[in-house]
Amino acid sequence: MDHDRIPEIALEWHRTGRGAALATVIETWGSAPRQPGSQLAIAGDGEMAGSVSGGCVEGAVVVEALDALGDGAPRLLRYGVSDEDAFAVGLACGGTIRVLVEPVTDGDGEGQGDGLPSSMLAEITAARAERRALAYGIRPEGWARRLIGPDDPAIAPRFRADRSGMEESGEFIAIFNPPLRMMVVGAVHIAQALVPMARLAGYAPLLIDPREAFGSASRFPGETILHDWPDESLAAQGLDARSAVVTLTHDPKLDDPAIMATLESDAFYLGCLGSTRTHAKRLERLRAAGLNEATLARIHAPVGLAIGARSPAEIAVSVLAQITQVLRKGGG
């Protein structure tokens, strides 16, 4: 979706000569419509992509962005959202936001009051295309900028939580994590509910099942379906720390190789369908294949949070809830 491609859109507008500015929410108080890190791209002709407030202050931000494109200087804005305006965008009460507006320029960003260098924006978009986590740091006092990798211990918790925000040092950190992915092994009834739920939650879902009668376009219209063996498909996808895998086939010939391929990767979540007894037998097979207890402990089985789910849709809800818990809080 375009709201997930704001840096790419801004860079494209700049490179095609239309001009571009990036507006970023850096702090909020009260019931603000958008969280820190939310972005709005503004072209020189006034076209917009994204959002910083859900509609309350976009008009004022666009005016400031066009002024920034005129003088090449960033600015820091503060807006209060009234209760009346908040209600219009679906909130019960108002709040306050601070918005950073940066014109995209061809400079190096080293001068006082310079805009966002297009070279730095290009590095951000390249990292996103290559599924590399990257953060952008800026100090509004003096406008010093830097790019930060996920190995920085001070910023690592922000990468794990997908949480942009102000540091006590006065530096704003914008997190650019790779998009989330969910690989579902087994085109069964639960998958018919889980795959669209995953997309709504911000995941790019991929369905894997070599049985074409199960993984058919008629049963999963519009979905990406791979009919290869699951372990081969997962290896080809290059599982990383932004990938979740769920196995649903109940068939060891399909599930076990997929489980082993996932456990060899950096995937943050692996959940496997089956009763406690089924999982005990699964663990016996995996131990016989040489996997140790620490590795096997990464498996979430029976899959999903214990909410008493019974129907395929309820099970899908429990699975997505558990994946969210592991992503945001770890463990689970």
C-alpha atoms as a PDB file:
ATOM      1  CA  MET A   1       0.000   0.000   0.000  1.00  0.00           C
ATOM      2  CA  ASP A   2       1.105   3.581  -0.657  1.00  0.00           C
ATOM      3  CA  HIS A   3       1.042   4.460   3.065  1.00  0.00           C
ATOM      4  CA  ASP A   4       3.839   1.906   3.527  1.00  0.00           C
ATOM      5  CA  ARG A   5       5.957   3.424   0.726  1.00  0.00           C
ATOM      6  CA  ILE A   6       6.265   7.042   1.851  1.00  0.00           C
ATOM      7  CA  PRO A   7      10.107   7.246   1.633  1.00  0.00           C
ATOM      8  CA  GLU A   8      10.039   5.651  -1.835  1.00  0.00           C
ATOM      9  CA  ILE A   9       7.348   8.028  -3.060  1.00  0.00           C
ATOM     10  CA  ALA A  10       9.197  11.090  -1.728  1.00  0.00           C
ATOM     11  CA  LEU A  11      12.442   9.988  -3.379  1.00  0.00           C
ATOM     12  CA  GLU A  12      10.692   9.376  -6.692  1.00  0.00           C
ATOM     13  CA  TRP A  13       9.066  12.818  -6.608  1.00  0.00           C
ATOM     14  CA  HIS A  14      12.424  14.424  -5.877  1.00  0.00           C
ATOM     15  CA  ARG A  15      14.250  12.543  -8.618  1.00  0.00           C
ATOM     16  CA  THR A  16      11.625  13.374 -11.232  1.00  0.00           C
ATOM     17  CA  GLY A  17      11.958  17.084 -10.493  1.00  0.00           C
ATOM     18  CA  ARG A  18       8.605  17.566  -8.761  1.00  0.00           C
ATOM     19  CA  GLY A  19      10.201  18.381  -5.430  1.00  0.00           C
ATOM     20  CA  ALA A  20       9.396  16.546  -2.218  1.00  0.00           C
ATOM     21  CA  ALA A  21       9.225  17.098   1.514  1.00  0.00           C
ATOM     22  CA  LEU A  22       8.757  14.537   4.267  1.00  0.00           C
ATOM     23  CA  ALA A  23       6.634  15.314   7.306  1.00  0.00           C
ATOM     24  CA  THR A  24       7.136  12.969  10.283  1.00  0.00           C
ATOM     25  CA  VAL A  25       5.299  12.779  13.598  1.00  0.00           C
ATOM     26  CA  ILE A  26       8.018  12.858  16.249  1.00  0.00           C
ATOM     27  CA  GLU A  27       6.020  13.227  19.485  1.00  0.00           C
ATOM     28  CA  THR A  28       2.399  12.949  20.603  1.00  0.00           C
ATOM     29  CA  TRP A  29       0.410  13.745  23.734  1.00  0.00           C
ATOM     30  CA  GLY A  30      -3.137  12.741  24.518  1.00  0.00           C
ATOM     31  CA  SER A  31      -5.318  10.968  21.981  1.00  0.00           C
ATOM     32  CA  ALA A  32      -3.273  11.828  18.891  1.00  0.00           C
ATOM     33  CA  PRO A  33      -4.529  10.220  15.656  1.00  0.00           C
ATOM     34  CA  ARG A  34      -1.132   8.982  14.453  1.00  0.00           C
ATOM     35  CA  GLN A  35       1.880   7.525  16.279  1.00  0.00           C
ATOM     36  CA  PRO A  36       5.500   8.775  16.203  1.00  0.00           C
ATOM     37  CA  GLY A  37       7.131   7.741  12.950  1.00  0.00           C
ATOM     38  CA  SER A  38       3.978   8.254  10.863  1.00  0.00           C
ATOM     39  CA  GLN A  39       4.869  10.097   7.671  1.00  0.00           C
ATOM     40  CA  LEU A  40       3.351  12.289   4.991  1.00  0.00           C
ATOM     41  CA  ALA A  41       5.092  12.992   1.672  1.00  0.00           C
ATOM     42  CA  ILE A  42       4.301  16.276  -0.062  1.00  0.00           C
ATOM     43  CA  ALA A  43       5.212  17.042  -3.677  1.00  0.00           C
ATOM     44  CA  GLY A  44       6.014  20.517  -4.958  1.00  0.00           C
ATOM     45  CA  ASP A  45       2.629  20.648  -6.679  1.00  0.00           C
ATOM     46  CA  GLY A  46       0.816  19.834  -3.424  1.00  0.00           C
ATOM     47  CA  GLU A  47       0.129  16.129  -4.007  1.00  0.00           C
ATOM     48  CA  MET A  48       0.188  14.108  -0.780  1.00  0.00           C
ATOM     49  CA  ALA A  49       0.797  10.491   0.233  1.00  0.00           C
ATOM     50  CA  GLY A  50       0.469   9.180   3.773  1.00  0.00           C
ATOM     51  CA  SER A  51      -0.803  10.890   6.893  1.00  0.00           C
ATOM     52  CA  VAL A  52       0.392  12.580  10.071  1.00  0.00           C
ATOM     53  CA  SER A  53      -2.942  13.232  11.767  1.00  0.00           C
ATOM     54  CA  GLY A  54      -5.775  11.448  10.025  1.00  0.00           C
ATOM     55  CA  GLY A  55      -6.892  14.705   8.398  1.00  0.00           C
ATOM     56  CA  CYS A  56      -6.821  17.224  11.267  1.00  0.00           C
ATOM     57  CA  VAL A  57      -3.694  19.201  10.372  1.00  0.00           C
ATOM     58  CA  GLU A  58      -2.616  17.900   6.951  1.00  0.00           C
ATOM     59  CA  GLY A  59      -3.610  21.154   5.245  1.00  0.00           C
ATOM     60  CA  ALA A  60      -1.414  23.237   7.549  1.00  0.00           C
ATOM     61  CA  VAL A  61       1.474  20.774   7.182  1.00  0.00           C
ATOM     62  CA  VAL A  62       1.274  20.981   3.379  1.00  0.00           C
ATOM     63  CA  VAL A  63       1.548  24.785   3.523  1.00  0.00           C
ATOM     64  CA  GLU A  64       4.651  24.512   5.736  1.00  0.00           C
ATOM     65  CA  ALA A  65       6.119  21.807   3.472  1.00  0.00           C
ATOM     66  CA  LEU A  66       5.738  23.971   0.367  1.00  0.00           C
ATOM     67  CA  ASP A  67       7.452  26.828   2.227  1.00  0.00           C
ATOM     68  CA  ALA A  68      10.236  24.406   3.199  1.00  0.00           C
ATOM     69  CA  LEU A  69      10.682  23.424  -0.439  1.00  0.00           C
ATOM     70  CA  GLY A  70      11.020  27.111  -1.217  1.00  0.00           C
ATOM     71  CA  ASP A  71      13.763  27.902   1.297  1.00  0.00           C
ATOM     72  CA  GLY A  72      15.323  24.429   1.647  1.00  0.00           C
ATOM     73  CA  ALA A  73      15.155  24.504   5.440  1.00  0.00           C
ATOM     74  CA  PRO A  74      13.479  22.009   7.806  1.00  0.00           C
ATOM     75  CA  ARG A  75      11.052  23.108  10.481  1.00  0.00           C
ATOM     76  CA  LEU A  76       9.546  21.708  13.646  1.00  0.00           C
ATOM     77  CA  LEU A  77       5.800  22.236  14.069  1.00  0.00           C
ATOM     78  CA  ARG A  78       3.430  21.744  16.976  1.00  0.00           C
ATOM     79  CA  TYR A  79      -0.309  21.268  16.617  1.00  0.00           C
ATOM     80  CA  GLY A  80      -3.125  20.837  19.087  1.00  0.00           C
ATOM     81  CA  VAL A  81      -6.030  18.738  17.879  1.00  0.00           C
ATOM     82  CA  SER A  82      -9.295  20.029  19.352  1.00  0.00           C
ATOM     83  CA  ASP A  83     -11.966  17.715  20.688  1.00  0.00           C
ATOM     84  CA  GLU A  84     -14.226  18.702  17.801  1.00  0.00           C
ATOM     85  CA  ASP A  85     -11.587  17.914  15.158  1.00  0.00           C
ATOM     86  CA  ALA A  86     -10.617  14.722  16.964  1.00  0.00           C
ATOM     87  CA  PHE A  87     -14.210  13.461  16.878  1.00  0.00           C
ATOM     88  CA  ALA A  88     -14.283  14.040  13.119  1.00  0.00           C
ATOM     89  CA  VAL A  89     -11.418  11.558  12.641  1.00  0.00           C
ATOM     90  CA  GLY A  90     -12.805   8.958  15.015  1.00  0.00           C
ATOM     91  CA  LEU A  91     -11.254   9.923  18.362  1.00  0.00           C
ATOM     92  CA  ALA A  92     -13.065  10.550  21.612  1.00  0.00           C
ATOM     93  CA  CYS A  93     -10.873  13.484  22.600  1.00  0.00           C
ATOM     94  CA  GLY A  94      -8.093  15.670  21.246  1.00  0.00           C
ATOM     95  CA  GLY A  95      -4.338  15.663  21.605  1.00  0.00           C
ATOM     96  CA  THR A  96      -1.118  17.364  20.597  1.00  0.00           C
ATOM     97  CA  ILE A  97       1.484  16.368  18.021  1.00  0.00           C
ATOM     98  CA  ARG A  98       4.897  17.614  16.972  1.00  0.00           C
ATOM     99  CA  VAL A  99       5.708  17.247  13.293  1.00  0.00           C
ATOM    100  CA  LEU A 100       9.113  17.484  11.654  1.00  0.00           C
ATOM    101  CA  VAL A 101       9.057  18.764   8.059  1.00  0.00           C
ATOM    102  CA  GLU A 102      12.161  18.146   5.939  1.00  0.00           C
ATOM    103  CA  PRO A 103      12.551  19.176   2.308  1.00  0.00           C
ATOM    104  CA  VAL A 104      14.467  16.591   0.273  1.00  0.00           C
ATOM    105  CA  THR A 105      17.591  18.196  -1.159  1.00  0.00           C
ATOM    106  CA  ASP A 106      20.726  17.241  -3.061  1.00  0.00           C
ATOM    107  CA  GLY A 107      22.968  18.682  -0.348  1.00  0.00           C
ATOM    108  CA  ASP A 108      25.004  16.682   2.154  1.00  0.00           C
ATOM    109  CA  GLY A 109      22.911  17.683   5.158  1.00  0.00           C
ATOM    110  CA  GLU A 110      25.965  18.940   7.006  1.00  0.00           C
ATOM    111  CA  GLY A 111      25.024  22.611   7.112  1.00  0.00           C
ATOM    112  CA  GLN A 112      22.927  24.237   9.810  1.00  0.00           C
ATOM    113  CA  GLY A 113      19.301  24.098   8.718  1.00  0.00           C
ATOM    114  CA  ASP A 114      19.885  21.904   5.651  1.00  0.00           C
ATOM    115  CA  GLY A 115      17.146  19.627   4.376  1.00  0.00           C
ATOM    116  CA  LEU A 116      17.133  15.836   4.184  1.00  0.00           C
ATOM    117  CA  PRO A 117      19.844  14.690   1.733  1.00  0.00           C
ATOM    118  CA  SER A 118      18.422  12.625  -1.115  1.00  0.00           C
ATOM    119  CA  SER A 119      21.447  10.312  -0.761  1.00  0.00           C
ATOM    120  CA  MET A 120      20.388   9.460   2.794  1.00  0.00           C
ATOM    121  CA  LEU A 121      16.794   8.891   1.698  1.00  0.00           C
ATOM    122  CA  ALA A 122      18.112   6.641  -1.082  1.00  0.00           C
ATOM    123  CA  GLU A 123      19.990   4.556   1.511  1.00  0.00           C
ATOM    124  CA  ILE A 124      16.776   4.141   3.490  1.00  0.00           C
ATOM    125  CA  THR A 125      14.796   2.998   0.456  1.00  0.00           C
ATOM    126  CA  ALA A 126      17.602   0.647  -0.645  1.00  0.00           C
ATOM    127  CA  ALA A 127      17.650  -0.986   2.795  1.00  0.00           C
ATOM    128  CA  ARG A 128      13.883  -1.456   2.655  1.00  0.00           C
ATOM    129  CA  ALA A 129      14.138  -3.064  -0.790  1.00  0.00           C
ATOM    130  CA  GLU A 130      16.849  -5.414   0.486  1.00  0.00           C
ATOM    131  CA  ARG A 131      14.909  -6.224   3.689  1.00  0.00           C
ATOM    132  CA  ARG A 132      17.588  -4.653   5.897  1.00  0.00           C
ATOM    133  CA  ALA A 133      16.511  -2.916   9.082  1.00  0.00           C
ATOM    134  CA  LEU A 134      17.676   0.681   9.318  1.00  0.00           C
ATOM    135  CA  ALA A 135      16.922   3.675  11.530  1.00  0.00           C
ATOM    136  CA  TYR A 136      17.154   7.382  10.824  1.00  0.00           C
ATOM    137  CA  GLY A 137      18.234   9.654  13.650  1.00  0.00           C
ATOM    138  CA  ILE A 138      17.862  13.436  13.691  1.00  0.00           C
ATOM    139  CA  ARG A 139      18.391  16.072  16.363  1.00  0.00           C
ATOM    140  CA  PRO A 140      15.981  18.982  15.826  1.00  0.00           C
ATOM    141  CA  GLU A 141      18.406  21.155  17.747  1.00  0.00           C
ATOM    142  CA  GLY A 142      21.088  21.622  15.104  1.00  0.00           C
ATOM    143  CA  TRP A 143      19.611  19.120  12.588  1.00  0.00           C
ATOM    144  CA  ALA A 144      22.413  16.566  12.913  1.00  0.00           C
ATOM    145  CA  ARG A 145      21.426  13.360  11.070  1.00  0.00           C
ATOM    146  CA  ARG A 146      22.659   9.776  10.984  1.00  0.00           C
ATOM    147  CA  LEU A 147      21.654   6.288   9.836  1.00  0.00           C
ATOM    148  CA  ILE A 148      21.720   3.518  12.449  1.00  0.00           C
ATOM    149  CA  GLY A 149      21.880  -0.263  12.019  1.00  0.00           C
ATOM    150  CA  PRO A 150      20.007  -2.802  14.165  1.00  0.00           C
ATOM    151  CA  ASP A 151      23.207  -3.837  15.946  1.00  0.00           C
ATOM    152  CA  ASP A 152      23.306  -0.560  17.905  1.00  0.00           C
ATOM    153  CA  PRO A 153      22.483  -1.751  21.469  1.00  0.00           C
ATOM    154  CA  ALA A 154      20.893   1.566  22.408  1.00  0.00           C
ATOM    155  CA  ILE A 155      18.416   1.385  19.522  1.00  0.00           C
ATOM    156  CA  ALA A 156      17.890  -2.398  19.301  1.00  0.00           C
ATOM    157  CA  PRO A 157      14.758  -2.352  21.528  1.00  0.00           C
ATOM    158  CA  ARG A 158      13.131   0.119  19.133  1.00  0.00           C
ATOM    159  CA  PHE A 159      13.752  -2.218  16.185  1.00  0.00           C
ATOM    160  CA  ARG A 160      12.209  -5.145  18.057  1.00  0.00           C
ATOM    161  CA  ALA A 161       9.138  -3.122  19.024  1.00  0.00           C
ATOM    162  CA  ASP A 162       8.771  -1.217  15.715  1.00  0.00           C
ATOM    163  CA  ARG A 163       8.737   1.923  17.858  1.00  0.00           C
ATOM    164  CA  SER A 164       9.912   5.281  16.559  1.00  0.00           C
ATOM    165  CA  GLY A 165      10.255   8.104  19.072  1.00  0.00           C
ATOM    166  CA  MET A 166      12.322  10.683  20.907  1.00  0.00           C
ATOM    167  CA  GLU A 167      15.319   9.623  22.965  1.00  0.00           C
ATOM    168  CA  GLU A 168      16.184  11.334  26.245  1.00  0.00           C
ATOM    169  CA  SER A 169      19.208  12.777  24.448  1.00  0.00           C
ATOM    170  CA  GLY A 170      16.904  14.848  22.237  1.00  0.00           C
ATOM    171  CA  GLU A 171      17.385  12.700  19.132  1.00  0.00           C
ATOM    172  CA  PHE A 172      14.372  11.446  17.201  1.00  0.00           C
ATOM    173  CA  ILE A 173      14.706   7.874  15.938  1.00  0.00           C
ATOM    174  CA  ALA A 174      12.598   6.765  12.971  1.00  0.00           C
ATOM    175  CA  ILE A 175      12.541   2.982  12.589  1.00  0.00           C
ATOM    176  CA  PHE A 176      12.448   1.497   9.080  1.00  0.00           C
ATOM    177  CA  ASN A 177      12.023  -2.231   9.512  1.00  0.00           C
ATOM    178  CA  PRO A 178      11.484  -4.591   6.563  1.00  0.00           C
ATOM    179  CA  PRO A 179       7.811  -5.383   5.959  1.00  0.00           C
ATOM    180  CA  LEU A 180       6.391  -8.274   7.960  1.00  0.00           C
ATOM    181  CA  ARG A 181       5.771 -11.585   6.175  1.00  0.00           C
ATOM    182  CA  MET A 182       3.727 -14.628   7.112  1.00  0.00           C
ATOM    183  CA  MET A 183       4.307 -17.994   5.428  1.00  0.00           C
ATOM    184  CA  VAL A 184       1.384 -20.368   5.892  1.00  0.00           C
ATOM    185  CA  VAL A 185       2.124 -24.022   5.122  1.00  0.00           C
ATOM    186  CA  GLY A 186      -1.082 -25.870   4.360  1.00  0.00           C
ATOM    187  CA  ALA A 187      -4.063 -24.549   2.381  1.00  0.00           C
ATOM    188  CA  VAL A 188      -6.643 -25.741   4.907  1.00  0.00           C
ATOM    189  CA  HIS A 189      -9.778 -24.100   6.350  1.00  0.00           C
ATOM    190  CA  ILE A 190      -7.815 -22.263   9.039  1.00  0.00           C
ATOM    191  CA  ALA A 191      -5.613 -20.755   6.332  1.00  0.00           C
ATOM    192  CA  GLN A 192      -8.690 -19.397   4.565  1.00  0.00           C
ATOM    193  CA  ALA A 193      -9.329 -17.246   7.636  1.00  0.00           C
ATOM    194  CA  LEU A 194      -5.715 -16.609   8.678  1.00  0.00           C
ATOM    195  CA  VAL A 195      -4.355 -15.322   5.360  1.00  0.00           C
ATOM    196  CA  PRO A 196      -6.755 -12.342   5.016  1.00  0.00           C
ATOM    197  CA  MET A 197      -6.417 -11.605   8.744  1.00  0.00           C
ATOM    198  CA  ALA A 198      -2.648 -11.508   8.334  1.00  0.00           C
ATOM    199  CA  ARG A 199      -2.914  -8.965   5.546  1.00  0.00           C
ATOM    200  CA  LEU A 200      -5.180  -6.744   7.634  1.00  0.00           C
ATOM    201  CA  ALA A 201      -2.587  -6.888  10.424  1.00  0.00           C
ATOM    202  CA  GLY A 202       0.162  -5.641   8.089  1.00  0.00           C
ATOM    203  CA  TYR A 203       1.747  -8.907   6.954  1.00  0.00           C
ATOM    204  CA  ALA A 204       2.490  -9.950   3.394  1.00  0.00           C
ATOM    205  CA  PRO A 205       1.035 -13.488   3.404  1.00  0.00           C
ATOM    206  CA  LEU A 206       2.317 -16.379   1.322  1.00  0.00           C
ATOM    207  CA  LEU A 207       0.500 -19.701   1.109  1.00  0.00           C
ATOM    208  CA  ILE A 208       2.514 -22.882   0.478  1.00  0.00           C
ATOM    209  CA  ASP A 209       0.987 -26.262  -0.377  1.00  0.00           C
ATOM    210  CA  PRO A 210       2.152 -28.718  -3.067  1.00  0.00           C
ATOM    211  CA  ARG A 211      -1.376 -30.120  -3.213  1.00  0.00           C
ATOM    212  CA  GLU A 212      -2.938 -28.027  -5.949  1.00  0.00           C
ATOM    213  CA  ALA A 213      -6.440 -29.200  -5.098  1.00  0.00           C
ATOM    214  CA  PHE A 214      -6.027 -27.549  -1.673  1.00  0.00           C
ATOM    215  CA  GLY A 215      -4.069 -24.484  -2.722  1.00  0.00           C
ATOM    216  CA  SER A 216      -6.331 -23.452  -5.570  1.00  0.00           C
ATOM    217  CA  ALA A 217      -7.220 -19.952  -6.731  1.00  0.00           C
ATOM    218  CA  SER A 218     -10.906 -20.731  -6.225  1.00  0.00           C
ATOM    219  CA  ARG A 219     -10.339 -21.447  -2.513  1.00  0.00           C
ATOM    220  CA  PHE A 220      -7.876 -18.556  -2.044  1.00  0.00           C
ATOM    221  CA  PRO A 221      -8.807 -15.895  -4.622  1.00  0.00           C
ATOM    222  CA  GLY A 222      -6.143 -13.266  -5.183  1.00  0.00           C
ATOM    223  CA  GLU A 223      -3.579 -14.896  -2.898  1.00  0.00           C
ATOM    224  CA  THR A 224       0.015 -15.784  -3.696  1.00  0.00           C
ATOM    225  CA  ILE A 225       0.180 -19.589  -3.660  1.00  0.00           C
ATOM    226  CA  LEU A 226       3.283 -21.738  -4.128  1.00  0.00           C
ATOM    227  CA  HIS A 227       2.874 -25.400  -5.034  1.00  0.00           C
ATOM    228  CA  ASP A 228       6.445 -26.410  -4.248  1.00  0.00           C
ATOM    229  CA  TRP A 229       7.529 -28.508  -1.273  1.00  0.00           C
ATOM    230  CA  PRO A 230       7.374 -26.287   1.816  1.00  0.00           C
ATOM    231  CA  ASP A 231      11.043 -26.552   2.814  1.00  0.00           C
ATOM    232  CA  GLU A 232      12.132 -25.603  -0.710  1.00  0.00           C
ATOM    233  CA  SER A 233       9.718 -22.673  -0.836  1.00  0.00           C
ATOM    234  CA  LEU A 234      10.789 -21.361   2.574  1.00  0.00           C
ATOM    235  CA  ALA A 235      14.469 -21.613   1.678  1.00  0.00           C
ATOM    236  CA  ALA A 236      13.821 -19.702  -1.541  1.00  0.00           C
ATOM    237  CA  GLN A 237      12.022 -16.927   0.365  1.00  0.00           C
ATOM    238  CA  GLY A 238      15.021 -16.286   2.622  1.00  0.00           C
ATOM    239  CA  LEU A 239      13.379 -16.271   6.051  1.00  0.00           C
ATOM    240  CA  ASP A 240      14.546 -13.402   8.253  1.00  0.00           C
ATOM    241  CA  ALA A 241      13.744 -11.778  11.586  1.00  0.00           C
ATOM    242  CA  ARG A 242      10.593 -10.198  10.118  1.00  0.00           C
ATOM    243  CA  SER A 243       9.145 -13.544   9.011  1.00  0.00           C
ATOM    244  CA  ALA A 244       6.557 -15.736  10.743  1.00  0.00           C
ATOM    245  CA  VAL A 245       5.823 -19.331   9.717  1.00  0.00           C
ATOM    246  CA  VAL A 246       2.683 -21.329  10.548  1.00  0.00           C
ATOM    247  CA  THR A 247       2.331 -25.008   9.615  1.00  0.00           C
ATOM    248  CA  LEU A 248      -1.212 -26.340   9.329  1.00  0.00           C
ATOM    249  CA  THR A 249      -1.141 -29.525   7.231  1.00  0.00           C
ATOM    250  CA  HIS A 250      -1.034 -32.165  10.005  1.00  0.00           C
ATOM    251  CA  ASP A 251       1.118 -34.174   7.556  1.00  0.00           C
ATOM    252  CA  PRO A 252       4.687 -34.850   8.788  1.00  0.00           C
ATOM    253  CA  LYS A 253       5.896 -35.187   5.176  1.00  0.00           C
ATOM    254  CA  LEU A 254       4.988 -31.525   4.654  1.00  0.00           C
ATOM    255  CA  ASP A 255       5.209 -29.976   8.114  1.00  0.00           C
ATOM    256  CA  ASP A 256       8.451 -31.503   9.413  1.00  0.00           C
ATOM    257  CA  PRO A 257      10.726 -30.290   6.584  1.00  0.00           C
ATOM    258  CA  ALA A 258       9.127 -26.837   6.834  1.00  0.00           C
ATOM    259  CA  ILE A 259       9.696 -26.798  10.589  1.00  0.00           C
ATOM    260  CA  MET A 260      13.337 -27.761  10.206  1.00  0.00           C
ATOM    261  CA  ALA A 261      13.890 -25.137   7.507  1.00  0.00           C
ATOM    262  CA  THR A 262      12.344 -22.483   9.749  1.00  0.00           C
ATOM    263  CA  LEU A 263      14.372 -23.490  12.800  1.00  0.00           C
ATOM    264  CA  GLU A 264      17.531 -23.013  10.749  1.00  0.00           C
ATOM    265  CA  SER A 265      16.490 -19.430   9.982  1.00  0.00           C
ATOM    266  CA  ASP A 266      16.068 -16.144  11.874  1.00  0.00           C
ATOM    267  CA  ALA A 267      12.253 -16.252  11.650  1.00  0.00           C
ATOM    268  CA  PHE A 268      10.812 -14.660  14.788  1.00  0.00           C
ATOM    269  CA  TYR A 269       7.879 -17.070  15.041  1.00  0.00           C
ATOM    270  CA  LEU A 270       7.104 -20.701  14.263  1.00  0.00           C
ATOM    271  CA  GLY A 271       3.699 -22.112  15.161  1.00  0.00           C
ATOM    272  CA  CYS A 272       2.508 -25.654  14.432  1.00  0.00           C
ATOM    273  CA  LEU A 273      -1.040 -26.980  14.415  1.00  0.00           C
ATOM    274  CA  GLY A 274      -1.773 -30.132  16.382  1.00  0.00           C
ATOM    275  CA  SER A 275      -2.821 -31.409  19.775  1.00  0.00           C
ATOM    276  CA  THR A 276      -0.447 -31.856  22.687  1.00  0.00           C
ATOM    277  CA  ARG A 277      -0.142 -35.546  21.801  1.00  0.00           C
ATOM    278  CA  THR A 278       0.512 -34.744  18.135  1.00  0.00           C
ATOM    279  CA  HIS A 279       3.193 -32.265  19.125  1.00  0.00           C
ATOM    280  CA  ALA A 280       4.869 -34.791  21.436  1.00  0.00           C
ATOM    281  CA  LYS A 281       5.209 -37.193  18.508  1.00  0.00           C
ATOM    282  CA  ARG A 282       6.484 -34.327  16.357  1.00  0.00           C
ATOM    283  CA  LEU A 283       9.182 -33.534  18.913  1.00  0.00           C
ATOM    284  CA  GLU A 284      10.262 -37.187  18.958  1.00  0.00           C
ATOM    285  CA  ARG A 285      10.767 -37.108  15.188  1.00  0.00           C
ATOM    286  CA  LEU A 286      12.669 -33.828  15.320  1.00  0.00           C
ATOM    287  CA  ARG A 287      14.935 -35.055  18.117  1.00  0.00           C
ATOM    288  CA  ALA A 288      15.676 -38.147  16.059  1.00  0.00           C
ATOM    289  CA  ALA A 289      16.632 -35.794  13.223  1.00  0.00           C
ATOM    290  CA  GLY A 290      19.243 -34.192  15.481  1.00  0.00           C
ATOM    291  CA  LEU A 291      17.538 -31.058  16.804  1.00  0.00           C
ATOM    292  CA  ASN A 292      18.370 -30.080  20.376  1.00  0.00           C
ATOM    293  CA  GLU A 293      15.997 -28.926  23.109  1.00  0.00           C
ATOM    294  CA  ALA A 294      16.920 -25.248  22.851  1.00  0.00           C
ATOM    295  CA  THR A 295      16.038 -25.252  19.169  1.00  0.00           C
ATOM    296  CA  LEU A 296      12.804 -27.178  19.695  1.00  0.00           C
ATOM    297  CA  ALA A 297      11.749 -24.660  22.347  1.00  0.00           C
ATOM    298  CA  ARG A 298      11.251 -22.100  19.573  1.00  0.00           C
ATOM    299  CA  ILE A 299       8.179 -23.990  18.349  1.00  0.00           C
ATOM    300  CA  HIS A 300       4.786 -22.689  19.500  1.00  0.00           C
ATOM    301  CA  ALA A 301       2.553 -25.733  19.694  1.00  0.00           C
ATOM    302  CA  PRO A 302      -0.283 -26.314  19.966  1.00  0.00           C
ATOM    303  CA  VAL A 303      -0.367 -23.162  17.847  1.00  0.00           C
ATOM    304  CA  GLY A 304      -2.163 -20.026  19.061  1.00  0.00           C
ATOM    305  CA  LEU A 305      -3.080 -18.488  22.379  1.00  0.00           C
ATOM    306  CA  ALA A 306      -5.243 -20.616  24.649  1.00  0.00           C
ATOM    307  CA  ILE A 307      -8.494 -18.667  24.250  1.00  0.00           C
ATOM    308  CA  GLY A 308     -10.786 -21.667  23.811  1.00  0.00           C
ATOM    309  CA  ALA A 309     -10.917 -21.282  20.015  1.00  0.00           C
ATOM    310  CA  ARG A 310     -13.005 -23.911  18.215  1.00  0.00           C
ATOM    311  CA  SER A 311     -13.903 -22.810  14.685  1.00  0.00           C
ATOM    312  CA  PRO A 312     -11.283 -22.272  11.938  1.00  0.00           C
ATOM    313  CA  ALA A 313     -11.781 -18.503  12.192  1.00  0.00           C
ATOM    314  CA  GLU A 314     -11.402 -18.507  15.983  1.00  0.00           C
ATOM    315  CA  ILE A 315      -8.226 -20.581  15.690  1.00  0.00           C
ATOM    316  CA  ALA A 316      -6.913 -18.077  13.134  1.00  0.00           C
ATOM    317  CA  VAL A 317      -7.594 -15.260  15.622  1.00  0.00           C
ATOM    318  CA  SER A 318      -5.669 -17.130  18.330  1.00  0.00           C
ATOM    319  CA  VAL A 319      -2.739 -17.714  15.952  1.00  0.00           C
ATOM    320  CA  LEU A 320      -2.525 -14.077  14.870  1.00  0.00           C
ATOM    321  CA  ALA A 321      -2.793 -12.970  18.498  1.00  0.00           C
ATOM    322  CA  GLN A 322       0.102 -15.218  19.496  1.00  0.00           C
ATOM    323  CA  ILE A 323       2.235 -14.007  16.596  1.00  0.00           C
ATOM    324  CA  THR A 324       1.535 -10.413  17.667  1.00  0.00           C
ATOM    325  CA  GLN A 325       2.472 -11.251  21.260  1.00  0.00           C
ATOM    326  CA  VAL A 326       5.790 -12.795  20.207  1.00  0.00           C
ATOM    327  CA  LEU A 327       6.574  -9.929  17.839  1.00  0.00           C
ATOM    328  CA  ARG A 328       5.838  -7.159  20.321  1.00  0.00           C
ATOM    329  CA  LYS A 329       6.753  -8.745  23.645  1.00  0.00           C
ATOM    330  CA  GLY A 330       9.002 -11.684  22.781  1.00  0.00           C
ATOM    331  CA  GLY A 331       8.527 -15.198  24.084  1.00  0.00           C
ATOM    332  CA  GLY A 332       4.851 -16.121  24.291  1.00  0.00           C
END
